[in-house]
Every structure is written in C-alpha cells, then in structure tokens.
N, C-alpha and C. Protein backbone atom coordinates (compact mmCIF):
# COMPACT_ATOMS: atom_id res chain seq x y z
N UNK A 1 92.65 158.47 144.98
CA UNK A 1 92.11 159.16 144.19
C UNK A 1 92.18 158.64 142.78
N UNK A 2 91.04 159.06 141.89
CA UNK A 2 91.30 158.19 140.20
C UNK A 2 91.73 158.88 139.60
N UNK A 3 92.03 157.78 138.55
CA UNK A 3 93.22 158.40 137.43
C UNK A 3 92.81 159.20 136.73
N UNK A 4 93.15 160.76 136.16
CA UNK A 4 92.86 161.78 135.24
C UNK A 4 91.89 161.20 133.95
N UNK A 5 92.05 159.97 133.85
CA UNK A 5 91.22 159.63 132.36
C UNK A 5 90.01 158.94 132.72
N UNK A 6 90.20 158.47 134.27
CA UNK A 6 89.13 158.09 134.73
C UNK A 6 87.53 158.61 135.51
N UNK A 7 87.78 159.99 135.39
CA UNK A 7 87.28 160.94 136.02
C UNK A 7 85.82 161.48 135.31
N UNK A 8 84.95 161.03 135.71
CA UNK A 8 83.53 161.26 135.22
C UNK A 8 83.33 162.66 134.58
N UNK A 9 82.94 163.14 133.29
CA UNK A 9 82.84 164.26 132.73
C UNK A 9 81.06 164.37 132.42
N UNK A 10 81.21 165.46 131.74
CA UNK A 10 79.43 166.22 131.41
C UNK A 10 79.64 165.49 129.60
N UNK A 11 78.27 165.25 129.26
CA UNK A 11 78.54 164.67 128.05
C UNK A 11 79.47 166.01 127.40
N UNK A 12 78.96 167.21 127.32
CA UNK A 12 79.78 167.99 126.44
C UNK A 12 81.54 167.94 126.61
N UNK A 13 82.16 167.60 127.59
CA UNK A 13 83.37 167.45 128.13
C UNK A 13 84.01 168.47 128.86
N UNK A 14 82.88 169.69 128.96
CA UNK A 14 83.36 170.87 129.46
C UNK A 14 83.56 170.87 131.06
N UNK A 15 82.97 169.78 131.96
CA UNK A 15 83.23 169.98 132.87
C UNK A 15 83.62 168.37 134.16
N UNK A 16 84.15 169.01 134.63
CA UNK A 16 84.04 166.94 135.29
C UNK A 16 83.13 167.47 136.77
N UNK A 17 82.70 165.85 136.95
CA UNK A 17 82.18 165.61 138.30
C UNK A 17 82.88 164.74 139.41
N UNK A 18 82.66 165.53 140.47
CA UNK A 18 83.60 164.46 141.61
C UNK A 18 82.54 165.10 142.81
N UNK A 19 82.04 163.81 143.17
CA UNK A 19 81.19 163.98 143.98
C UNK A 19 79.90 164.46 143.87
N UNK A 20 79.14 164.64 142.78
CA UNK A 20 78.25 165.02 142.28
C UNK A 20 78.18 166.29 142.14
N UNK A 21 79.53 167.24 142.06
CA UNK A 21 79.33 168.62 141.89
C UNK A 21 80.34 168.24 140.43
N UNK A 22 80.00 169.88 139.44
CA UNK A 22 81.06 169.82 138.19
C UNK A 22 81.60 171.03 138.70
N UNK A 23 82.75 170.18 137.79
CA UNK A 23 83.57 171.56 137.97
C UNK A 23 84.37 172.03 136.40
N UNK A 24 84.92 173.11 136.09
CA UNK A 24 85.22 173.51 135.31
C UNK A 24 86.72 172.68 134.69
N UNK A 25 86.46 171.65 133.68
CA UNK A 25 87.54 170.95 132.98
C UNK A 25 88.97 171.63 132.45
N UNK A 26 90.16 171.65 132.76
CA UNK A 26 90.90 172.16 132.00
C UNK A 26 90.53 172.58 130.57
N UNK A 27 91.02 173.30 129.61
CA UNK A 27 91.12 173.63 128.29
C UNK A 27 92.04 172.33 127.33
N UNK A 28 91.07 171.18 126.74
CA UNK A 28 92.06 170.42 126.49
C UNK A 28 92.80 170.50 125.32
N UNK A 29 93.00 171.91 124.24
CA UNK A 29 94.00 171.95 123.31
C UNK A 29 94.88 172.69 124.28
N UNK A 30 95.39 172.82 125.41
CA UNK A 30 96.81 172.66 125.91
C UNK A 30 98.01 171.60 125.56
N UNK A 31 98.72 171.77 125.30
CA UNK A 31 99.97 170.71 124.69
C UNK A 31 100.26 169.87 126.36
N UNK A 32 100.51 168.80 126.28
CA UNK A 32 100.43 167.92 127.76
C UNK A 32 101.57 168.80 128.77
N UNK A 33 102.75 168.52 127.80
CA UNK A 33 103.92 169.29 128.63
C UNK A 33 103.68 170.47 129.35
N UNK A 34 103.01 171.55 128.35
CA UNK A 34 102.73 172.66 129.27
C UNK A 34 101.55 172.48 130.31
N UNK A 35 100.67 171.21 130.28
CA UNK A 35 99.57 170.98 130.93
C UNK A 35 100.11 170.94 132.27
N UNK A 36 101.23 169.74 131.87
CA UNK A 36 101.85 169.27 133.14
C UNK A 36 102.40 170.42 134.37
N UNK A 37 103.32 171.29 133.32
CA UNK A 37 103.54 172.36 133.59
C UNK A 37 102.60 173.23 135.05
N UNK A 38 101.57 173.53 134.35
CA UNK A 38 100.66 174.68 135.08
C UNK A 38 100.10 173.43 135.75
N UNK A 39 99.63 172.49 136.23
CA UNK A 39 98.95 171.53 137.26
C UNK A 39 100.15 171.43 138.52
N UNK A 40 101.54 171.12 138.07
CA UNK A 40 102.23 171.39 139.01
C UNK A 40 102.48 172.65 139.67
N UNK A 41 102.30 173.32 138.80
CA UNK A 41 102.65 175.30 139.65
C UNK A 41 101.40 174.84 140.43
N UNK A 42 99.92 174.54 140.35
CA UNK A 42 98.39 174.64 140.53
C UNK A 42 98.77 173.96 142.04
N UNK A 43 99.39 172.93 142.15
CA UNK A 43 99.56 171.91 143.26
C UNK A 43 100.40 172.76 144.09
N UNK A 44 101.90 173.07 143.49
CA UNK A 44 102.67 174.06 144.42
C UNK A 44 101.94 175.48 145.29
N UNK A 45 100.85 175.90 144.57
CA UNK A 45 100.39 177.02 144.78
C UNK A 45 99.26 176.75 145.72
N UNK A 46 98.52 175.36 146.01
CA UNK A 46 97.57 175.38 147.29
C UNK A 46 98.33 174.51 148.06
N UNK A 47 99.62 173.94 148.11
CA UNK A 47 100.26 173.66 149.23
C UNK A 47 100.66 174.98 149.57
N UNK A 48 100.98 176.00 149.02
CA UNK A 48 101.65 177.23 149.27
C UNK A 48 100.25 177.72 149.98
N UNK A 49 98.87 177.59 149.76
CA UNK A 49 97.70 178.35 150.59
C UNK A 49 97.37 177.52 152.13
N UNK A 50 98.15 176.07 151.76
CA UNK A 50 98.28 175.39 153.45
C UNK A 50 99.29 176.25 154.59
N UNK A 51 100.15 176.38 153.78
CA UNK A 51 101.52 177.32 154.66
C UNK A 51 101.51 178.48 154.55
N UNK A 52 99.95 179.20 154.36
CA UNK A 52 99.64 180.58 154.59
C UNK A 52 100.64 181.51 153.84
N UNK A 53 101.34 181.15 153.00
CA UNK A 53 102.28 181.79 152.21
C UNK A 53 101.66 183.03 151.46
N UNK A 54 101.66 183.97 151.72
CA UNK A 54 101.48 185.54 151.04
C UNK A 54 100.54 185.86 149.95
N UNK A 55 101.48 185.14 148.71
CA UNK A 55 101.00 185.43 147.66
C UNK A 55 100.32 184.11 146.92
N UNK A 56 99.82 182.98 147.79
CA UNK A 56 99.11 181.92 147.45
C UNK A 56 98.24 182.05 146.69
N UNK A 57 97.14 182.34 147.03
CA UNK A 57 96.09 182.44 146.52
C UNK A 57 95.83 183.53 145.21
N UNK A 58 96.62 184.33 145.28
CA UNK A 58 97.25 184.64 143.56
C UNK A 58 97.53 183.59 142.59
N UNK A 59 98.55 182.88 143.45
CA UNK A 59 99.33 182.02 142.07
C UNK A 59 98.31 180.77 141.73
N UNK A 60 97.44 180.48 143.22
CA UNK A 60 95.86 179.45 142.49
C UNK A 60 95.10 179.96 141.33
N UNK A 61 94.90 181.07 141.90
CA UNK A 61 94.39 181.74 140.17
C UNK A 61 94.67 181.61 139.32
N UNK A 62 96.08 182.46 139.21
CA UNK A 62 96.54 182.00 138.02
C UNK A 62 96.86 180.97 137.33
N UNK A 63 96.61 180.22 137.68
CA UNK A 63 96.79 178.60 137.47
C UNK A 63 95.72 178.39 137.25
N UNK A 64 94.88 178.22 137.67
CA UNK A 64 93.61 177.94 137.09
C UNK A 64 93.10 178.46 136.00
N UNK A 65 93.51 179.90 136.14
CA UNK A 65 92.92 181.24 134.61
C UNK A 65 94.11 180.26 133.64
N UNK A 66 94.96 179.89 133.74
CA UNK A 66 96.00 179.88 132.66
C UNK A 66 95.62 178.41 132.36
N UNK A 67 94.56 177.49 132.99
CA UNK A 67 94.48 176.44 132.66
C UNK A 67 93.21 176.21 131.86
N UNK A 68 92.79 176.93 132.38
CA UNK A 68 91.12 177.48 131.85
C UNK A 68 90.16 176.95 132.57
N UNK A 69 90.42 176.81 133.31
CA UNK A 69 89.20 176.19 134.55
C UNK A 69 88.75 177.47 135.44
N UNK A 70 88.83 178.73 135.58
CA UNK A 70 88.63 179.93 136.07
C UNK A 70 88.77 181.11 134.73
N UNK A 71 87.90 182.03 135.10
CA UNK A 71 88.08 183.47 134.14
C UNK A 71 87.69 182.95 132.63
N UNK A 72 87.78 183.20 132.04
CA UNK A 72 87.09 183.13 130.38
C UNK A 72 86.98 181.82 130.11
N UNK A 73 85.63 180.99 129.45
CA UNK A 73 85.47 179.95 128.89
C UNK A 73 86.19 179.66 127.77
N UNK A 74 87.06 178.37 127.96
CA UNK A 74 87.67 178.09 127.00
C UNK A 74 87.03 177.54 125.40
N UNK A 75 85.64 177.02 125.40
CA UNK A 75 85.06 176.90 124.71
C UNK A 75 84.19 177.78 124.11
N UNK A 76 84.15 179.39 124.22
CA UNK A 76 83.74 180.29 123.33
C UNK A 76 84.65 180.80 123.13
N UNK A 77 84.14 181.81 122.15
CA UNK A 77 85.49 182.48 121.16
C UNK A 77 85.63 183.57 122.34
N UNK A 78 87.02 183.88 122.71
CA UNK A 78 87.77 184.82 123.05
C UNK A 78 87.52 185.97 122.49
N UNK A 79 87.28 187.52 123.47
CA UNK A 79 87.71 188.94 122.95
C UNK A 79 89.42 188.90 123.52
N UNK A 80 89.88 189.88 122.92
CA UNK A 80 90.70 190.15 123.14
C UNK A 80 91.20 190.23 124.55
N UNK A 81 90.21 190.97 124.97
CA UNK A 81 90.70 190.68 126.92
C UNK A 81 90.52 189.66 127.22
N UNK A 82 90.05 188.98 126.73
CA UNK A 82 89.89 187.12 127.52
C UNK A 82 91.12 186.49 127.25
N UNK A 83 91.76 187.17 126.18
CA UNK A 83 93.19 186.71 125.73
C UNK A 83 94.01 187.03 126.68
N UNK A 84 93.87 188.07 126.95
CA UNK A 84 94.94 188.89 127.69
C UNK A 84 94.81 188.45 129.18
N UNK A 85 94.08 188.51 129.65
CA UNK A 85 93.75 187.73 130.84
C UNK A 85 94.63 186.58 131.30
N UNK A 86 94.33 185.56 130.14
CA UNK A 86 94.31 184.26 130.45
C UNK A 86 96.03 184.17 129.92
N UNK A 87 96.57 185.33 129.13
CA UNK A 87 97.24 185.31 128.59
C UNK A 87 99.06 185.76 129.80
N UNK A 88 98.07 186.71 130.35
CA UNK A 88 98.52 187.12 131.62
C UNK A 88 98.99 186.20 133.04
N UNK A 89 97.99 185.55 133.24
CA UNK A 89 98.12 184.32 134.00
C UNK A 89 98.93 182.92 133.27
N UNK A 90 98.62 182.72 132.39
CA UNK A 90 99.36 181.58 132.03
C UNK A 90 101.14 182.12 131.86
N UNK A 91 101.51 183.21 131.84
CA UNK A 91 103.09 184.06 132.12
C UNK A 91 103.83 183.89 133.32
N UNK A 92 102.64 184.12 134.20
CA UNK A 92 102.78 184.72 135.61
C UNK A 92 103.23 183.24 136.20
N UNK A 93 102.21 181.50 136.11
CA UNK A 93 102.66 180.53 136.24
C UNK A 93 103.55 180.10 135.29
N UNK A 94 104.01 180.12 134.72
CA UNK A 94 104.97 179.41 133.84
C UNK A 94 106.44 180.40 134.70
N UNK A 95 106.91 181.28 134.73
CA UNK A 95 107.60 181.95 135.34
C UNK A 95 107.71 181.63 136.68
N UNK A 96 106.60 181.14 136.95
CA UNK A 96 106.94 180.47 138.74
C UNK A 96 107.47 179.61 138.87
N UNK A 97 106.19 178.62 138.04
CA UNK A 97 107.29 177.17 137.35
C UNK A 97 108.04 177.05 137.20
N UNK A 98 108.95 177.42 136.31
CA UNK A 98 110.09 177.63 136.39
C UNK A 98 111.37 178.12 137.12
N UNK A 99 110.90 178.92 138.04
CA UNK A 99 111.73 179.14 138.94
C UNK A 99 113.17 179.86 138.78
N UNK A 100 113.29 180.88 137.61
CA UNK A 100 114.41 181.70 137.45
C UNK A 100 115.24 181.20 136.33
N UNK A 101 113.95 180.39 135.38
CA UNK A 101 114.46 180.68 134.07
C UNK A 101 113.53 181.21 133.40
N UNK A 102 113.84 181.11 132.16
CA UNK A 102 112.90 182.33 131.17
C UNK A 102 111.91 181.44 130.47
N UNK A 103 111.01 182.13 130.20
CA UNK A 103 109.84 181.76 128.50
C UNK A 103 109.76 182.02 127.59
N UNK A 104 109.25 181.27 126.82
CA UNK A 104 109.20 181.71 125.56
C UNK A 104 107.87 182.44 125.34
N UNK A 105 107.91 183.11 124.65
CA UNK A 105 106.05 183.72 124.42
C UNK A 105 105.43 182.90 123.55
N UNK A 106 105.79 181.49 122.69
CA UNK A 106 105.22 180.88 122.31
C UNK A 106 104.77 180.01 123.30
N UNK A 107 105.44 180.01 124.61
CA UNK A 107 104.65 178.91 125.65
C UNK A 107 103.50 179.12 125.88
N UNK A 108 103.32 180.90 125.98
CA UNK A 108 101.82 181.09 126.67
C UNK A 108 101.18 181.32 125.71
N UNK A 109 101.40 181.13 123.69
CA UNK A 109 100.65 181.21 122.76
C UNK A 109 100.43 179.86 122.72
N UNK A 110 101.21 178.76 122.95
CA UNK A 110 100.63 177.45 122.63
C UNK A 110 99.21 177.07 123.86
N UNK A 111 99.06 177.71 125.13
CA UNK A 111 98.38 177.52 126.08
C UNK A 111 96.82 178.50 125.85
N UNK A 112 97.15 179.33 125.48
CA UNK A 112 95.91 180.43 124.92
C UNK A 112 95.54 180.10 123.64
N UNK A 113 96.31 179.48 122.76
CA UNK A 113 95.73 179.57 121.17
C UNK A 113 95.65 178.34 121.02
N UNK A 114 95.81 177.18 121.32
CA UNK A 114 95.58 175.60 120.87
C UNK A 114 96.58 175.57 119.69
N UNK A 115 95.61 175.42 118.45
CA UNK A 115 96.49 174.43 117.49
C UNK A 115 96.57 176.03 116.91
N UNK A 116 95.90 176.86 117.08
CA UNK A 116 95.85 178.06 116.48
C UNK A 116 96.99 179.07 117.04
N UNK A 117 98.20 178.64 117.55
CA UNK A 117 98.46 179.57 118.48
C UNK A 117 99.71 180.75 117.61
N UNK A 118 100.20 180.71 117.05
CA UNK A 118 100.84 181.71 115.98
C UNK A 118 100.04 182.58 116.08
N UNK A 119 98.91 182.26 115.75
CA UNK A 119 97.83 183.41 115.28
C UNK A 119 97.68 184.65 116.97
N UNK A 120 98.13 183.76 117.49
CA UNK A 120 98.02 184.89 119.10
C UNK A 120 99.25 185.23 119.44
N UNK A 121 100.88 184.79 118.91
CA UNK A 121 101.81 185.55 118.75
C UNK A 121 102.02 186.98 119.25
N UNK A 122 100.98 187.70 118.35
CA UNK A 122 101.25 189.30 118.56
C UNK A 122 100.48 189.88 119.58
N UNK A 123 99.21 188.93 119.59
CA UNK A 123 98.66 189.48 121.15
C UNK A 123 99.90 189.13 122.48
N UNK A 124 100.27 187.92 122.48
CA UNK A 124 101.12 187.83 123.67
C UNK A 124 102.18 188.65 123.98
N UNK A 125 103.06 188.89 122.42
CA UNK A 125 103.86 189.63 122.62
C UNK A 125 103.59 191.17 123.33
N UNK A 126 102.52 191.74 123.20
CA UNK A 126 101.56 192.67 123.41
C UNK A 126 101.41 192.62 124.99
N UNK A 127 100.91 191.80 125.42
CA UNK A 127 100.82 191.60 126.58
C UNK A 127 101.80 191.49 127.41
N UNK A 128 103.06 190.66 126.89
CA UNK A 128 104.31 190.67 127.59
C UNK A 128 104.99 192.02 127.65
N UNK A 129 104.74 192.73 126.80
CA UNK A 129 105.31 194.91 126.85
C UNK A 129 104.46 194.93 128.15
N UNK A 130 103.30 194.77 128.11
CA UNK A 130 102.30 195.88 128.87
C UNK A 130 103.03 194.93 130.58
N UNK A 131 103.04 193.68 131.12
CA UNK A 131 103.27 193.13 131.84
C UNK A 131 105.20 194.08 132.59
N UNK A 132 105.79 194.03 131.08
CA UNK A 132 107.20 194.56 131.41
C UNK A 132 107.14 195.91 131.87
N UNK A 133 106.32 196.64 131.28
CA UNK A 133 106.17 198.21 131.71
C UNK A 133 105.67 198.27 132.64
N UNK A 134 104.39 197.45 133.39
CA UNK A 134 104.23 197.65 134.67
C UNK A 134 105.30 197.07 135.66
N UNK A 135 106.40 196.32 135.39
CA UNK A 135 107.59 195.92 136.47
C UNK A 135 107.90 194.69 136.09
N UNK A 136 106.60 193.92 135.96
CA UNK A 136 106.14 192.59 136.36
C UNK A 136 106.82 191.44 135.83
N UNK A 137 107.53 191.63 134.73
CA UNK A 137 108.55 190.96 134.01
C UNK A 137 109.86 191.64 133.20
N UNK A 138 110.71 191.00 132.40
CA UNK A 138 111.71 191.34 132.22
C UNK A 138 111.58 190.73 130.68
N UNK A 139 111.85 191.39 129.11
CA UNK A 139 112.07 190.38 128.39
C UNK A 139 113.53 190.65 127.69
N UNK A 140 113.94 189.75 127.32
CA UNK A 140 115.60 189.54 127.20
C UNK A 140 115.61 189.22 125.46
N UNK A 141 116.51 189.23 125.61
CA UNK A 141 116.75 188.95 123.75
C UNK A 141 118.41 188.57 123.74
N UNK A 142 119.19 187.51 123.61
CA UNK A 142 120.22 186.89 124.02
C UNK A 142 120.67 187.23 125.19
N UNK A 143 119.69 187.63 126.01
CA UNK A 143 120.54 187.69 127.77
C UNK A 143 120.12 188.99 128.07
N UNK A 144 120.29 189.80 126.95
CA UNK A 144 120.49 191.27 127.24
C UNK A 144 118.51 192.36 127.29
N UNK A 145 118.28 192.39 128.76
CA UNK A 145 117.18 193.43 128.34
C UNK A 145 116.63 194.24 127.04
N UNK A 146 115.67 194.04 126.90
CA UNK A 146 114.58 194.79 125.35
C UNK A 146 113.53 195.36 125.61
N UNK A 147 113.43 196.14 125.05
CA UNK A 147 112.10 196.64 124.83
C UNK A 147 110.91 196.03 124.00
N UNK A 148 110.34 195.47 124.17
CA UNK A 148 109.22 195.05 123.14
C UNK A 148 108.29 196.41 122.27
N UNK A 149 107.95 197.30 123.10
CA UNK A 149 107.30 198.23 122.16
C UNK A 149 108.45 198.93 121.28
N UNK A 150 109.80 198.89 121.37
CA UNK A 150 110.69 199.83 120.73
C UNK A 150 110.75 199.29 119.30
N UNK A 151 109.93 198.19 119.21
CA UNK A 151 109.81 197.63 117.79
C UNK A 151 110.93 196.30 117.76
N UNK A 152 111.37 195.53 119.07
CA UNK A 152 112.31 194.38 118.74
C UNK A 152 111.81 193.13 118.06
N UNK A 153 112.47 193.01 117.21
CA UNK A 153 112.69 191.54 116.39
C UNK A 153 113.18 190.56 116.53
N UNK A 154 112.63 189.22 116.22
CA UNK A 154 113.44 188.07 116.55
C UNK A 154 112.88 187.70 117.71
N UNK A 155 113.18 186.17 118.25
CA UNK A 155 113.30 185.57 119.65
C UNK A 155 113.43 186.46 120.38
N UNK A 156 112.47 186.45 121.72
CA UNK A 156 112.73 187.05 123.01
C UNK A 156 112.83 186.00 123.74
N UNK A 157 112.85 186.55 124.72
CA UNK A 157 112.33 185.35 126.31
C UNK A 157 112.08 186.25 127.60
N UNK A 158 111.16 185.96 128.07
CA UNK A 158 110.46 186.71 129.72
C UNK A 158 110.87 185.81 130.42
N UNK A 159 111.17 187.18 131.38
CA UNK A 159 112.09 186.29 132.93
C UNK A 159 111.11 187.50 133.97
N UNK A 160 111.13 186.79 134.88
CA UNK A 160 110.96 187.54 136.30
C UNK A 160 111.91 188.73 136.09
N UNK A 161 111.87 189.82 137.17
CA UNK A 161 112.81 190.75 137.11
C UNK A 161 113.71 190.26 138.45
N UNK A 162 113.23 189.53 139.74
CA UNK A 162 114.33 189.18 139.84
C UNK A 162 115.70 187.97 139.24
N UNK A 163 114.54 187.60 138.23
CA UNK A 163 115.92 186.27 137.64
C UNK A 163 116.83 186.85 136.55
N UNK A 164 116.65 188.60 136.81
CA UNK A 164 117.94 189.02 135.60
C UNK A 164 119.09 189.62 136.51
N UNK A 165 120.04 189.49 135.78
CA UNK A 165 121.14 190.05 136.28
C UNK A 165 121.02 191.79 135.75
N UNK A 166 121.19 193.24 136.23
CA UNK A 166 121.05 193.94 136.10
C UNK A 166 122.44 194.63 135.49
C-alpha cells in the first residue's frame, strides 16, 4: 500500500486516485491528531463490517462524513444543515473511538470548522443539545449531567449515555 503522501491526487486536491478511480479526499483542514482518530475509527468500523456487527455500516458512514469523504463537500461553503450533519457524525465517531472517554465540543468544531473553528462553537453546542434531547449523548459539566438548552455556561464535555454514571 502506498504511503498516504504518495497517493495520486486530482489537480485541485479534492480527490485521490486509486487504480484509476477517483475518491473524495479527506478535508485537509482537520487537525492531524483528530484526523488520525477519525481514520482509526473508520478502520475499526470497516473491520466491524467484515465481522458483520450490527451498527458497523453506520459507523463507517459517520467516520467518512466526519472526514469529509461523504456528505457535504468540504470545499464548498457549508449550510447550517451541512454543518449539523457533519458535526453529528463527528461527535458520534469521536465518542466511539474514545470508547468510554468524553470529548470536548471544540474537538468537533475543529473538525468541521478548520481554522475558523471558534466560530462554529455555538452550532456545535446546538447540535450537542439536540443529540442530548434525542438521548444519543449526555452533556456534563464537572462530571455532572447538565442541560445545554438551560443556558449552561462554561466548559462542558460530551459522553455516550452508557458511559455516564446515573
């Protein structure tokens, strides 16, 4: 397998070419450490597909959307819905990868927002609040579950419901 740096790319850098076939490249604005976590989750999800685990294809989809390889195109100006879609996928993928550990909303903002990630924090918090309302995650502050929609200020962490002591 060629090194990732040696992979052929389209002239605009938006696609990689493998065996003559174009595939959408990952968003280059994702910080390296977060990109690696998402790639690790993608590889684990692909192994889960081979093992016929029930949620494996959803895991692959989330990781690929978070990386920008599916879903909204990372090179276009995203709509609010595009940001929400990619943020949800990013949160789910990072929480799976960290397996029992929390994530900071800024991790998702850094993935979807690139250098302008701070400007995405309100949107990320809104998506987190929606996921919490749907029961897909728990928002905590100092280890205690909180309601983002109640106007919680200050740093919070995001966790899978099964990873929070009730």
